[in-house]
């Protein structure tokens, strides 16, 4: 399996979809993004993540979680809350966050 695609269990599970448009502020962003990816992997219920950003600063990150309670715990994690606050203040011109229940999942294996 391609490492870019997280191995998720059979549904149901949840997807947190974070779409954003970056600001011109770069200071600290890359380090914080790497830290959040590392920290998320340590959280109970974390299943994986996919992320992409275009040259104009529009990006989408989808993280997958076992339960809604796992998502709530991640949202409330102290270090993640600091990243959220900094993102709202400095790194994002606009963002949208959506939480969806995955009912079906298909793939074409390599």
C-alpha atoms as a PDB file:
ATOM      1  CA  UNK A   1       0.000   0.000   0.000  1.00  0.00           C
ATOM      2  CA  UNK A   2       1.166   3.537  -0.785  1.00  0.00           C
ATOM      3  CA  UNK A   3       2.387   5.237   2.423  1.00  0.00           C
ATOM      4  CA  UNK A   4       0.612   8.472   1.433  1.00  0.00           C
ATOM      5  CA  UNK A   5      -2.699   6.726   2.147  1.00  0.00           C
ATOM      6  CA  UNK A   6      -3.443   5.923   5.797  1.00  0.00           C
ATOM      7  CA  UNK A   7      -4.643   2.432   6.594  1.00  0.00           C
ATOM      8  CA  UNK A   8      -8.083   2.932   8.065  1.00  0.00           C
ATOM      9  CA  UNK A   9     -10.322   0.221   9.505  1.00  0.00           C
ATOM     10  CA  UNK A  10     -13.635  -0.834   8.056  1.00  0.00           C
ATOM     11  CA  UNK A  11     -16.203   1.952   8.513  1.00  0.00           C
ATOM     12  CA  UNK A  12     -17.712   3.547  10.413  1.00  0.00           C
ATOM     13  CA  UNK A  13     -15.086   6.007  11.617  1.00  0.00           C
ATOM     14  CA  UNK A  14     -14.745   9.785  11.401  1.00  0.00           C
ATOM     15  CA  UNK A  15     -12.954  12.298   9.191  1.00  0.00           C
ATOM     16  CA  UNK A  16     -12.005  15.808  10.281  1.00  0.00           C
ATOM     17  CA  UNK A  17     -11.622  17.934   7.149  1.00  0.00           C
ATOM     18  CA  UNK A  18      -9.643  21.139   7.603  1.00  0.00           C
ATOM     19  CA  UNK A  19      -9.601  23.407   4.535  1.00  0.00           C
ATOM     20  CA  UNK A  20      -7.556  26.571   4.758  1.00  0.00           C
ATOM     21  CA  UNK A  21      -6.057  29.515   2.928  1.00  0.00           C
ATOM     22  CA  UNK A  22      -2.670  30.499   4.347  1.00  0.00           C
ATOM     23  CA  UNK A  23      -1.646  34.033   5.209  1.00  0.00           C
ATOM     24  CA  UNK A  24       1.753  35.439   4.282  1.00  0.00           C
ATOM     25  CA  UNK A  25       3.097  34.665   7.784  1.00  0.00           C
ATOM     26  CA  UNK A  26       5.577  31.788   7.672  1.00  0.00           C
ATOM     27  CA  UNK A  27       7.284  32.128  11.073  1.00  0.00           C
ATOM     28  CA  UNK A  28       6.863  28.898  13.014  1.00  0.00           C
ATOM     29  CA  UNK A  29       4.268  27.327  10.720  1.00  0.00           C
ATOM     30  CA  UNK A  30       6.272  24.393   9.384  1.00  0.00           C
ATOM     31  CA  UNK A  31       7.629  23.412  12.784  1.00  0.00           C
ATOM     32  CA  UNK A  32       4.163  23.576  14.332  1.00  0.00           C
ATOM     33  CA  UNK A  33       2.604  21.560  11.480  1.00  0.00           C
ATOM     34  CA  UNK A  34       5.226  18.835  11.945  1.00  0.00           C
ATOM     35  CA  UNK A  35       4.702  18.859  15.711  1.00  0.00           C
ATOM     36  CA  UNK A  36       0.918  18.591  15.361  1.00  0.00           C
ATOM     37  CA  UNK A  37       1.241  15.637  12.965  1.00  0.00           C
ATOM     38  CA  UNK A  38       3.620  13.928  15.401  1.00  0.00           C
ATOM     39  CA  UNK A  39       1.391  14.655  18.400  1.00  0.00           C
ATOM     40  CA  UNK A  40      -1.831  13.579  16.652  1.00  0.00           C
ATOM     41  CA  UNK A  41      -0.294  10.175  15.946  1.00  0.00           C
ATOM     42  CA  UNK A  42       0.129   9.669  19.696  1.00  0.00           C
ATOM     43  CA  UNK A  43      -3.552  10.340  20.481  1.00  0.00           C
ATOM     44  CA  UNK A  44      -6.027   7.563  21.260  1.00  0.00           C
ATOM     45  CA  UNK A  45      -8.272   6.842  18.292  1.00  0.00           C
ATOM     46  CA  UNK A  46      -6.055   8.502  15.662  1.00  0.00           C
ATOM     47  CA  UNK A  47      -6.176   6.480  12.426  1.00  0.00           C
ATOM     48  CA  UNK A  48      -4.142   8.565   9.969  1.00  0.00           C
ATOM     49  CA  UNK A  49      -3.914  11.779   8.018  1.00  0.00           C
ATOM     50  CA  UNK A  50      -3.660  13.097   4.440  1.00  0.00           C
ATOM     51  CA  UNK A  51      -2.645  16.632   3.521  1.00  0.00           C
ATOM     52  CA  UNK A  52      -2.055  18.757   0.415  1.00  0.00           C
ATOM     53  CA  UNK A  53      -1.452  22.459  -0.284  1.00  0.00           C
ATOM     54  CA  UNK A  54      -1.255  24.302  -3.604  1.00  0.00           C
ATOM     55  CA  UNK A  55       1.113  27.107  -4.617  1.00  0.00           C
ATOM     56  CA  UNK A  56      -1.549  29.762  -3.856  1.00  0.00           C
ATOM     57  CA  UNK A  57      -1.807  28.656  -0.219  1.00  0.00           C
ATOM     58  CA  UNK A  58      -5.049  26.650  -0.332  1.00  0.00           C
ATOM     59  CA  UNK A  59      -4.761  23.388   1.550  1.00  0.00           C
ATOM     60  CA  UNK A  60      -6.777  20.481   2.859  1.00  0.00           C
ATOM     61  CA  UNK A  61      -5.838  18.178   5.704  1.00  0.00           C
ATOM     62  CA  UNK A  62      -8.037  15.217   6.525  1.00  0.00           C
ATOM     63  CA  UNK A  63      -7.440  13.353   9.759  1.00  0.00           C
ATOM     64  CA  UNK A  64      -9.223  10.098  10.544  1.00  0.00           C
ATOM     65  CA  UNK A  65     -10.448   9.125  14.006  1.00  0.00           C
ATOM     66  CA  UNK A  66     -12.152   6.136  15.596  1.00  0.00           C
ATOM     67  CA  UNK A  67     -14.783   8.085  17.587  1.00  0.00           C
ATOM     68  CA  UNK A  68     -16.222  11.555  18.113  1.00  0.00           C
ATOM     69  CA  UNK A  69     -14.854  11.432  21.668  1.00  0.00           C
ATOM     70  CA  UNK A  70     -11.337  10.961  20.255  1.00  0.00           C
ATOM     71  CA  UNK A  71     -11.825  14.052  18.074  1.00  0.00           C
ATOM     72  CA  UNK A  72     -13.043  16.079  21.061  1.00  0.00           C
ATOM     73  CA  UNK A  73     -10.046  15.015  23.155  1.00  0.00           C
ATOM     74  CA  UNK A  74      -7.687  16.050  20.333  1.00  0.00           C
ATOM     75  CA  UNK A  75      -9.447  19.404  19.938  1.00  0.00           C
ATOM     76  CA  UNK A  76      -8.970  20.036  23.668  1.00  0.00           C
ATOM     77  CA  UNK A  77      -5.323  18.931  23.848  1.00  0.00           C
ATOM     78  CA  UNK A  78      -3.324  21.839  25.323  1.00  0.00           C
ATOM     79  CA  UNK A  79      -0.588  21.921  22.686  1.00  0.00           C
ATOM     80  CA  UNK A  80      -3.151  21.593  19.881  1.00  0.00           C
ATOM     81  CA  UNK A  81      -5.158  24.476  21.370  1.00  0.00           C
ATOM     82  CA  UNK A  82      -2.040  26.666  21.233  1.00  0.00           C
ATOM     83  CA  UNK A  83      -1.578  25.751  17.553  1.00  0.00           C
ATOM     84  CA  UNK A  84      -5.247  26.571  16.875  1.00  0.00           C
ATOM     85  CA  UNK A  85      -4.926  29.997  18.518  1.00  0.00           C
ATOM     86  CA  UNK A  86      -1.732  30.806  16.636  1.00  0.00           C
ATOM     87  CA  UNK A  87      -3.281  29.629  13.378  1.00  0.00           C
ATOM     88  CA  UNK A  88      -6.319  31.863  13.794  1.00  0.00           C
ATOM     89  CA  UNK A  89      -4.122  34.837  14.690  1.00  0.00           C
ATOM     90  CA  UNK A  90      -1.201  34.403  12.272  1.00  0.00           C
ATOM     91  CA  UNK A  91      -1.192  31.578   9.727  1.00  0.00           C
ATOM     92  CA  UNK A  92      -4.660  31.398   8.170  1.00  0.00           C
ATOM     93  CA  UNK A  93      -6.579  34.029   6.219  1.00  0.00           C
ATOM     94  CA  UNK A  94      -9.596  31.713   6.159  1.00  0.00           C
ATOM     95  CA  UNK A  95     -10.379  28.171   7.230  1.00  0.00           C
ATOM     96  CA  UNK A  96     -13.276  25.755   7.458  1.00  0.00           C
ATOM     97  CA  UNK A  97     -13.473  22.624   9.558  1.00  0.00           C
ATOM     98  CA  UNK A  98     -15.922  19.808   8.995  1.00  0.00           C
ATOM     99  CA  UNK A  99     -16.442  16.536  10.837  1.00  0.00           C
ATOM    100  CA  UNK A 100     -17.967  13.666   8.874  1.00  0.00           C
ATOM    101  CA  UNK A 101     -18.815  10.054   9.615  1.00  0.00           C
ATOM    102  CA  UNK A 102     -17.299   7.714   7.038  1.00  0.00           C
ATOM    103  CA  UNK A 103     -19.970   5.170   6.091  1.00  0.00           C
ATOM    104  CA  UNK A 104     -18.234   3.538   3.121  1.00  0.00           C
ATOM    105  CA  UNK A 105     -14.660   3.402   1.915  1.00  0.00           C
ATOM    106  CA  UNK A 106     -13.234   1.959  -1.295  1.00  0.00           C
ATOM    107  CA  UNK A 107      -9.749   1.662  -2.705  1.00  0.00           C
ATOM    108  CA  UNK A 108      -7.735   0.343  -5.605  1.00  0.00           C
ATOM    109  CA  UNK A 109      -4.691  -1.402  -4.166  1.00  0.00           C
ATOM    110  CA  UNK A 110      -1.323  -0.986  -5.869  1.00  0.00           C
END
